């Protein structure tokens, strides 16, 4: 099982805001902890974001994150609308 951390305070505030408005996001985060490469529509990014991953938490909520397999950590870098790409 992976642990989830945010990379900065702004991302943490955004995540908290989405969790308050949509309770199902907590369940999706729990699923992501078990397999960050397969749950919630996870997919690797390309181009300038190569090495990072993205997943979706709803119709217009996306998250960009990195996976540290050695420490078993998911680093959330940004969460927001699809415009984050």
PDB file of N, CA and C in Angstrom:
ATOM      1  N   UNK A   1       0.834  -1.174   0.000  1.00  0.00           N
ATOM      2  CA  UNK A   1       0.000   0.000   0.000  1.00  0.00           C
ATOM      3  C   UNK A   1       0.886   1.247   0.000  1.00  0.00           C
ATOM      4  N   UNK A   2       0.557   2.183  -0.845  1.00  0.00           N
ATOM      5  CA  UNK A   2       1.301   3.430  -0.956  1.00  0.00           C
ATOM      6  C   UNK A   2       0.730   4.474   0.003  1.00  0.00           C
ATOM      7  N   UNK A   3       1.548   5.454   0.340  1.00  0.00           N
ATOM      8  CA  UNK A   3       1.096   6.614   1.106  1.00  0.00           C
ATOM      9  C   UNK A   3       0.970   7.775   0.137  1.00  0.00           C
ATOM     10  N   UNK A   4       0.088   8.708   0.450  1.00  0.00           N
ATOM     11  CA  UNK A   4      -0.135   9.859  -0.425  1.00  0.00           C
ATOM     12  C   UNK A   4       0.304  11.126   0.287  1.00  0.00           C
ATOM     13  N   UNK A   5       1.078  11.947  -0.430  1.00  0.00           N
ATOM     14  CA  UNK A   5       1.526  13.248   0.071  1.00  0.00           C
ATOM     15  C   UNK A   5       1.294  14.287  -1.017  1.00  0.00           C
ATOM     16  N   UNK A   6       1.093  15.528  -0.598  1.00  0.00           N
ATOM     17  CA  UNK A   6       0.999  16.625  -1.568  1.00  0.00           C
ATOM     18  C   UNK A   6       2.350  17.322  -1.632  1.00  0.00           C
ATOM     19  N   UNK A   7       2.655  17.867  -2.792  1.00  0.00           N
ATOM     20  CA  UNK A   7       3.977  18.468  -2.992  1.00  0.00           C
ATOM     21  C   UNK A   7       4.072  19.888  -2.447  1.00  0.00           C
ATOM     22  N   UNK A   8       2.924  20.540  -2.208  1.00  0.00           N
ATOM     23  CA  UNK A   8       2.953  21.900  -1.670  1.00  0.00           C
ATOM     24  C   UNK A   8       1.606  22.254  -1.032  1.00  0.00           C
ATOM     25  N   UNK A   9       1.557  23.393  -0.340  1.00  0.00           N
ATOM     26  CA  UNK A   9       0.350  23.811   0.384  1.00  0.00           C
ATOM     27  C   UNK A   9      -0.814  24.113  -0.563  1.00  0.00           C
ATOM     28  N   UNK A  10      -0.517  24.698  -1.710  1.00  0.00           N
ATOM     29  CA  UNK A  10      -1.575  25.029  -2.673  1.00  0.00           C
ATOM     30  C   UNK A  10      -2.288  23.755  -3.131  1.00  0.00           C
ATOM     31  N   UNK A  11      -1.526  22.734  -3.450  1.00  0.00           N
ATOM     32  CA  UNK A  11      -2.100  21.460  -3.881  1.00  0.00           C
ATOM     33  C   UNK A  11      -2.889  20.831  -2.739  1.00  0.00           C
ATOM     34  N   UNK A  12      -2.373  20.926  -1.529  1.00  0.00           N
ATOM     35  CA  UNK A  12      -3.071  20.377  -0.371  1.00  0.00           C
ATOM     36  C   UNK A  12      -4.427  21.066  -0.168  1.00  0.00           C
ATOM     37  N   UNK A  13      -4.461  22.389  -0.314  1.00  0.00           N
ATOM     38  CA  UNK A  13      -5.714  23.127  -0.177  1.00  0.00           C
ATOM     39  C   UNK A  13      -6.712  22.746  -1.263  1.00  0.00           C
ATOM     40  N   UNK A  14      -6.230  22.599  -2.493  1.00  0.00           N
ATOM     41  CA  UNK A  14      -7.107  22.208  -3.593  1.00  0.00           C
ATOM     42  C   UNK A  14      -7.677  20.816  -3.353  1.00  0.00           C
ATOM     43  N   UNK A  15      -6.840  19.886  -2.926  1.00  0.00           N
ATOM     44  CA  UNK A  15      -7.292  18.525  -2.650  1.00  0.00           C
ATOM     45  C   UNK A  15      -8.352  18.532  -1.549  1.00  0.00           C
ATOM     46  N   UNK A  16      -8.100  19.263  -0.469  1.00  0.00           N
ATOM     47  CA  UNK A  16      -9.072  19.354   0.622  1.00  0.00           C
ATOM     48  C   UNK A  16     -10.392  19.935   0.138  1.00  0.00           C
ATOM     49  N   UNK A  17     -10.312  20.929  -0.721  1.00  0.00           N
ATOM     50  CA  UNK A  17     -11.519  21.559  -1.265  1.00  0.00           C
ATOM     51  C   UNK A  17     -12.339  20.560  -2.084  1.00  0.00           C
ATOM     52  N   UNK A  18     -11.672  19.783  -2.934  1.00  0.00           N
ATOM     53  CA  UNK A  18     -12.375  18.783  -3.738  1.00  0.00           C
ATOM     54  C   UNK A  18     -12.960  17.676  -2.862  1.00  0.00           C
ATOM     55  N   UNK A  19     -12.245  17.288  -1.819  1.00  0.00           N
ATOM     56  CA  UNK A  19     -12.747  16.249  -0.915  1.00  0.00           C
ATOM     57  C   UNK A  19     -14.016  16.731  -0.212  1.00  0.00           C
ATOM     58  N   UNK A  20     -14.029  18.002   0.205  1.00  0.00           N
ATOM     59  CA  UNK A  20     -15.219  18.551   0.860  1.00  0.00           C
ATOM     60  C   UNK A  20     -16.420  18.605  -0.076  1.00  0.00           C
ATOM     61  N   UNK A  21     -16.165  18.924  -1.334  1.00  0.00           N
ATOM     62  CA  UNK A  21     -17.276  19.048  -2.281  1.00  0.00           C
ATOM     63  C   UNK A  21     -17.724  17.710  -2.855  1.00  0.00           C
ATOM     64  N   UNK A  22     -16.836  16.718  -2.847  1.00  0.00           N
ATOM     65  CA  UNK A  22     -17.160  15.401  -3.410  1.00  0.00           C
ATOM     66  C   UNK A  22     -16.577  14.313  -2.526  1.00  0.00           C
ATOM     67  N   UNK A  23     -17.401  13.753  -1.684  1.00  0.00           N
ATOM     68  CA  UNK A  23     -16.958  12.727  -0.739  1.00  0.00           C
ATOM     69  C   UNK A  23     -16.394  11.477  -1.385  1.00  0.00           C
ATOM     70  N   UNK A  24     -16.793  11.184  -2.619  1.00  0.00           N
ATOM     71  CA  UNK A  24     -16.308   9.968  -3.289  1.00  0.00           C
ATOM     72  C   UNK A  24     -14.825  10.022  -3.620  1.00  0.00           C
ATOM     73  N   UNK A  25     -14.224  11.192  -3.560  1.00  0.00           N
ATOM     74  CA  UNK A  25     -12.796  11.311  -3.872  1.00  0.00           C
ATOM     75  C   UNK A  25     -11.950  10.555  -2.847  1.00  0.00           C
ATOM     76  N   UNK A  26     -12.370  10.540  -1.600  1.00  0.00           N
ATOM     77  CA  UNK A  26     -11.623   9.784  -0.581  1.00  0.00           C
ATOM     78  C   UNK A  26     -11.560   8.308  -0.942  1.00  0.00           C
ATOM     79  N   UNK A  27     -12.671   7.753  -1.403  1.00  0.00           N
ATOM     80  CA  UNK A  27     -12.679   6.344  -1.816  1.00  0.00           C
ATOM     81  C   UNK A  27     -11.744   6.111  -2.989  1.00  0.00           C
ATOM     82  N   UNK A  28     -11.726   7.046  -3.925  1.00  0.00           N
ATOM     83  CA  UNK A  28     -10.856   6.897  -5.090  1.00  0.00           C
ATOM     84  C   UNK A  28      -9.389   7.012  -4.699  1.00  0.00           C
ATOM     85  N   UNK A  29      -9.080   7.870  -3.739  1.00  0.00           N
ATOM     86  CA  UNK A  29      -7.702   7.968  -3.252  1.00  0.00           C
ATOM     87  C   UNK A  29      -7.269   6.661  -2.588  1.00  0.00           C
ATOM     88  N   UNK A  30      -8.164   6.038  -1.857  1.00  0.00           N
ATOM     89  CA  UNK A  30      -7.859   4.752  -1.221  1.00  0.00           C
ATOM     90  C   UNK A  30      -7.563   3.685  -2.274  1.00  0.00           C
ATOM     91  N   UNK A  31      -8.341   3.664  -3.336  1.00  0.00           N
ATOM     92  CA  UNK A  31      -8.093   2.713  -4.419  1.00  0.00           C
ATOM     93  C   UNK A  31      -6.748   2.981  -5.076  1.00  0.00           C
ATOM     94  N   UNK A  32      -6.437   4.263  -5.260  1.00  0.00           N
ATOM     95  CA  UNK A  32      -5.173   4.644  -5.887  1.00  0.00           C
ATOM     96  C   UNK A  32      -3.986   4.173  -5.054  1.00  0.00           C
ATOM     97  N   UNK A  33      -4.124   4.198  -3.733  1.00  0.00           N
ATOM     98  CA  UNK A  33      -3.049   3.735  -2.848  1.00  0.00           C
ATOM     99  C   UNK A  33      -2.697   2.270  -3.092  1.00  0.00           C
ATOM    100  N   UNK A  34      -3.690   1.479  -3.474  1.00  0.00           N
ATOM    101  CA  UNK A  34      -3.423   0.050  -3.673  1.00  0.00           C
ATOM    102  C   UNK A  34      -2.702  -0.214  -4.986  1.00  0.00           C
ATOM    103  N   UNK A  35      -3.009   0.553  -6.021  1.00  0.00           N
ATOM    104  CA  UNK A  35      -2.343   0.368  -7.316  1.00  0.00           C
ATOM    105  C   UNK A  35      -2.355   1.683  -8.095  1.00  0.00           C
ATOM    106  N   UNK A  36      -1.350   2.532  -7.892  1.00  0.00           N
ATOM    107  CA  UNK A  36      -1.356   3.870  -8.499  1.00  0.00           C
ATOM    108  C   UNK A  36      -1.192   3.888 -10.020  1.00  0.00           C
ATOM    109  N   UNK A  37      -0.964   2.733 -10.627  1.00  0.00           N
ATOM    110  CA  UNK A  37      -0.816   2.691 -12.078  1.00  0.00           C
ATOM    111  C   UNK A  37      -2.051   2.141 -12.802  1.00  0.00           C
ATOM    112  N   UNK A  38      -3.037   1.675 -12.041  1.00  0.00           N
ATOM    113  CA  UNK A  38      -4.197   1.059 -12.688  1.00  0.00           C
ATOM    114  C   UNK A  38      -5.538   1.619 -12.251  1.00  0.00           C
ATOM    115  N   UNK A  39      -5.619   2.204 -11.074  1.00  0.00           N
ATOM    116  CA  UNK A  39      -6.901   2.683 -10.557  1.00  0.00           C
ATOM    117  C   UNK A  39      -7.228   4.082 -11.071  1.00  0.00           C
ATOM    118  N   UNK A  40      -8.490   4.417 -11.077  1.00  0.00           N
ATOM    119  CA  UNK A  40      -8.991   5.762 -11.393  1.00  0.00           C
ATOM    120  C   UNK A  40      -8.566   6.249 -12.776  1.00  0.00           C
ATOM    121  N   UNK A  41      -8.436   5.347 -13.709  1.00  0.00           N
ATOM    122  CA  UNK A  41      -8.048   5.745 -15.063  1.00  0.00           C
ATOM    123  C   UNK A  41      -6.616   6.246 -15.152  1.00  0.00           C
ATOM    124  N   UNK A  42      -5.754   5.746 -14.298  1.00  0.00           N
ATOM    125  CA  UNK A  42      -4.353   6.191 -14.266  1.00  0.00           C
ATOM    126  C   UNK A  42      -3.664   5.924 -15.597  1.00  0.00           C
ATOM    127  N   UNK A  43      -2.845   6.893 -16.010  1.00  0.00           N
ATOM    128  CA  UNK A  43      -2.089   6.729 -17.246  1.00  0.00           C
ATOM    129  C   UNK A  43      -0.823   7.580 -17.186  1.00  0.00           C
ATOM    130  N   UNK A  44       0.259   7.105 -17.806  1.00  0.00           N
ATOM    131  CA  UNK A  44       1.502   7.880 -17.819  1.00  0.00           C
ATOM    132  C   UNK A  44       1.366   9.070 -18.757  1.00  0.00           C
ATOM    133  N   UNK A  45       2.052  10.143 -18.409  1.00  0.00           N
ATOM    134  CA  UNK A  45       2.025  11.340 -19.249  1.00  0.00           C
ATOM    135  C   UNK A  45       3.250  11.370 -20.153  1.00  0.00           C
ATOM    136  N   UNK A  46       3.175  12.174 -21.184  1.00  0.00           N
ATOM    137  CA  UNK A  46       4.239  12.252 -22.189  1.00  0.00           C
ATOM    138  C   UNK A  46       4.693  13.702 -22.343  1.00  0.00           C
ATOM    139  N   UNK A  47       5.651  13.903 -23.171  1.00  0.00           N
ATOM    140  CA  UNK A  47       6.141  15.252 -23.445  1.00  0.00           C
ATOM    141  C   UNK A  47       6.814  15.861 -22.239  1.00  0.00           C
ATOM    142  N   UNK A  48       6.503  17.130 -21.947  1.00  0.00           N
ATOM    143  CA  UNK A  48       7.168  17.822 -20.846  1.00  0.00           C
ATOM    144  C   UNK A  48       6.801  17.243 -19.479  1.00  0.00           C
ATOM    145  N   UNK A  49       5.739  16.438 -19.419  1.00  0.00           N
ATOM    146  CA  UNK A  49       5.329  15.802 -18.161  1.00  0.00           C
ATOM    147  C   UNK A  49       5.712  14.324 -18.089  1.00  0.00           C
ATOM    148  N   UNK A  50       6.609  13.898 -18.962  1.00  0.00           N
ATOM    149  CA  UNK A  50       7.049  12.505 -18.980  1.00  0.00           C
ATOM    150  C   UNK A  50       7.603  12.117 -17.605  1.00  0.00           C
ATOM    151  N   UNK A  51       7.242  10.941 -17.154  1.00  0.00           N
ATOM    152  CA  UNK A  51       7.665  10.470 -15.837  1.00  0.00           C
ATOM    153  C   UNK A  51       6.607  10.687 -14.772  1.00  0.00           C
ATOM    154  N   UNK A  52       5.606  11.486 -15.104  1.00  0.00           N
ATOM    155  CA  UNK A  52       4.506  11.736 -14.187  1.00  0.00           C
ATOM    156  C   UNK A  52       3.287  10.941 -14.634  1.00  0.00           C
ATOM    157  N   UNK A  53       2.314  10.828 -13.753  1.00  0.00           N
ATOM    158  CA  UNK A  53       1.088  10.091 -14.014  1.00  0.00           C
ATOM    159  C   UNK A  53      -0.103  11.005 -13.815  1.00  0.00           C
ATOM    160  N   UNK A  54      -1.218  10.634 -14.428  1.00  0.00           N
ATOM    161  CA  UNK A  54      -2.465  11.373 -14.248  1.00  0.00           C
ATOM    162  C   UNK A  54      -3.600  10.384 -14.035  1.00  0.00           C
ATOM    163  N   UNK A  55      -4.612  10.834 -13.324  1.00  0.00           N
ATOM    164  CA  UNK A  55      -5.829  10.045 -13.152  1.00  0.00           C
ATOM    165  C   UNK A  55      -6.994  11.014 -13.034  1.00  0.00           C
ATOM    166  N   UNK A  56      -8.198  10.498 -13.041  1.00  0.00           N
ATOM    167  CA  UNK A  56      -9.357  11.366 -12.939  1.00  0.00           C
ATOM    168  C   UNK A  56     -10.203  10.963 -11.745  1.00  0.00           C
ATOM    169  N   UNK A  57     -10.836  11.964 -11.140  1.00  0.00           N
ATOM    170  CA  UNK A  57     -11.696  11.751  -9.985  1.00  0.00           C
ATOM    171  C   UNK A  57     -13.133  12.146 -10.255  1.00  0.00           C
ATOM    172  N   UNK A  58     -13.440  12.419 -11.465  1.00  0.00           N
ATOM    173  CA  UNK A  58     -14.797  12.812 -11.824  1.00  0.00           C
ATOM    174  C   UNK A  58     -14.793  13.372 -13.222  1.00  0.00           C
ATOM    175  N   UNK A  59     -15.892  13.905 -13.614  1.00  0.00           N
ATOM    176  CA  UNK A  59     -16.038  14.363 -14.988  1.00  0.00           C
ATOM    177  C   UNK A  59     -14.992  15.401 -15.383  1.00  0.00           C
ATOM    178  N   UNK A  60     -14.579  16.244 -14.449  1.00  0.00           N
ATOM    179  CA  UNK A  60     -13.621  17.287 -14.811  1.00  0.00           C
ATOM    180  C   UNK A  60     -12.541  17.484 -13.746  1.00  0.00           C
ATOM    181  N   UNK A  61     -12.314  16.511 -12.897  1.00  0.00           N
ATOM    182  CA  UNK A  61     -11.280  16.633 -11.864  1.00  0.00           C
ATOM    183  C   UNK A  61     -10.146  15.682 -12.206  1.00  0.00           C
ATOM    184  N   UNK A  62      -8.970  16.255 -12.448  1.00  0.00           N
ATOM    185  CA  UNK A  62      -7.784  15.486 -12.801  1.00  0.00           C
ATOM    186  C   UNK A  62      -6.704  15.684 -11.742  1.00  0.00           C
ATOM    187  N   UNK A  63      -5.821  14.703 -11.654  1.00  0.00           N
ATOM    188  CA  UNK A  63      -4.714  14.807 -10.720  1.00  0.00           C
ATOM    189  C   UNK A  63      -3.428  14.383 -11.419  1.00  0.00           C
ATOM    190  N   UNK A  64      -2.358  15.135 -11.216  1.00  0.00           N
ATOM    191  CA  UNK A  64      -1.031  14.796 -11.730  1.00  0.00           C
ATOM    192  C   UNK A  64      -0.181  14.404 -10.523  1.00  0.00           C
ATOM    193  N   UNK A  65       0.519  13.271 -10.657  1.00  0.00           N
ATOM    194  CA  UNK A  65       1.305  12.793  -9.532  1.00  0.00           C
ATOM    195  C   UNK A  65       2.520  12.009 -10.002  1.00  0.00           C
ATOM    196  N   UNK A  66       3.455  11.819  -9.072  1.00  0.00           N
ATOM    197  CA  UNK A  66       4.628  10.982  -9.302  1.00  0.00           C
ATOM    198  C   UNK A  66       4.565   9.801  -8.351  1.00  0.00           C
ATOM    199  N   UNK A  67       5.168   8.705  -8.770  1.00  0.00           N
ATOM    200  CA  UNK A  67       5.170   7.484  -7.964  1.00  0.00           C
ATOM    201  C   UNK A  67       6.605   7.151  -7.574  1.00  0.00           C
ATOM    202  N   UNK A  68       6.831   6.996  -6.281  1.00  0.00           N
ATOM    203  CA  UNK A  68       8.130   6.563  -5.769  1.00  0.00           C
ATOM    204  C   UNK A  68       7.943   5.131  -5.264  1.00  0.00           C
ATOM    205  N   UNK A  69       8.322   4.166  -6.089  1.00  0.00           N
ATOM    206  CA  UNK A  69       8.128   2.758  -5.738  1.00  0.00           C
ATOM    207  C   UNK A  69       9.025   2.321  -4.584  1.00  0.00           C
ATOM    208  N   UNK A  70      10.203   2.905  -4.482  1.00  0.00           N
ATOM    209  CA  UNK A  70      11.134   2.518  -3.427  1.00  0.00           C
ATOM    210  C   UNK A  70      10.565   2.858  -2.049  1.00  0.00           C
ATOM    211  N   UNK A  71      10.032   4.089  -1.902  1.00  0.00           N
ATOM    212  CA  UNK A  71       9.461   4.531  -0.624  1.00  0.00           C
ATOM    213  C   UNK A  71       7.957   4.267  -0.543  1.00  0.00           C
ATOM    214  N   UNK A  72       7.374   3.817  -1.661  1.00  0.00           N
ATOM    215  CA  UNK A  72       5.936   3.545  -1.750  1.00  0.00           C
ATOM    216  C   UNK A  72       5.111   4.788  -1.418  1.00  0.00           C
ATOM    217  N   UNK A  73       5.456   5.865  -2.147  1.00  0.00           N
ATOM    218  CA  UNK A  73       4.804   7.163  -1.958  1.00  0.00           C
ATOM    219  C   UNK A  73       4.226   7.650  -3.278  1.00  0.00           C
ATOM    220  N   UNK A  74       3.061   8.249  -3.210  1.00  0.00           N
ATOM    221  CA  UNK A  74       2.457   8.957  -4.325  1.00  0.00           C
ATOM    222  C   UNK A  74       2.537  10.441  -3.979  1.00  0.00           C
ATOM    223  N   UNK A  75       3.244  11.209  -4.815  1.00  0.00           N
ATOM    224  CA  UNK A  75       3.386  12.650  -4.617  1.00  0.00           C
ATOM    225  C   UNK A  75       2.390  13.370  -5.523  1.00  0.00           C
ATOM    226  N   UNK A  76       1.363  13.960  -4.953  1.00  0.00           N
ATOM    227  CA  UNK A  76       0.390  14.712  -5.741  1.00  0.00           C
ATOM    228  C   UNK A  76       0.988  16.079  -6.046  1.00  0.00           C
ATOM    229  N   UNK A  77       1.128  16.372  -7.335  1.00  0.00           N
ATOM    230  CA  UNK A  77       1.707  17.647  -7.737  1.00  0.00           C
ATOM    231  C   UNK A  77       0.650  18.691  -8.061  1.00  0.00           C
ATOM    232  N   UNK A  78      -0.475  18.235  -8.585  1.00  0.00           N
ATOM    233  CA  UNK A  78      -1.546  19.174  -8.908  1.00  0.00           C
ATOM    234  C   UNK A  78      -2.869  18.443  -9.017  1.00  0.00           C
ATOM    235  N   UNK A  79      -3.928  19.108  -8.630  1.00  0.00           N
ATOM    236  CA  UNK A  79      -5.257  18.589  -8.823  1.00  0.00           C
ATOM    237  C   UNK A  79      -6.134  19.747  -9.277  1.00  0.00           C
ATOM    238  N   UNK A  80      -6.956  19.508 -10.265  1.00  0.00           N
ATOM    239  CA  UNK A  80      -7.800  20.565 -10.789  1.00  0.00           C
ATOM    240  C   UNK A  80      -8.564  20.097 -12.025  1.00  0.00           C
ATOM    241  N   UNK A  81      -9.000  21.044 -12.813  1.00  0.00           N
ATOM    242  CA  UNK A  81      -9.731  20.713 -14.028  1.00  0.00           C
ATOM    243  C   UNK A  81      -8.774  20.170 -15.083  1.00  0.00           C
ATOM    244  N   UNK A  82      -9.311  19.756 -16.205  1.00  0.00           N
ATOM    245  CA  UNK A  82      -8.487  19.179 -17.265  1.00  0.00           C
ATOM    246  C   UNK A  82      -7.485  20.196 -17.833  1.00  0.00           C
ATOM    247  N   UNK A  83      -7.641  21.448 -17.536  1.00  0.00           N
ATOM    248  CA  UNK A  83      -6.732  22.493 -18.012  1.00  0.00           C
ATOM    249  C   UNK A  83      -5.358  22.421 -17.355  1.00  0.00           C
ATOM    250  N   UNK A  84      -5.173  21.526 -16.385  1.00  0.00           N
ATOM    251  CA  UNK A  84      -3.882  21.425 -15.698  1.00  0.00           C
ATOM    252  C   UNK A  84      -2.783  20.920 -16.618  1.00  0.00           C
ATOM    253  N   UNK A  85      -3.159  20.283 -17.723  1.00  0.00           N
ATOM    254  CA  UNK A  85      -2.149  19.797 -18.660  1.00  0.00           C
ATOM    255  C   UNK A  85      -1.635  20.953 -19.437  1.00  0.00           C
TER     256      UNK A  85
END
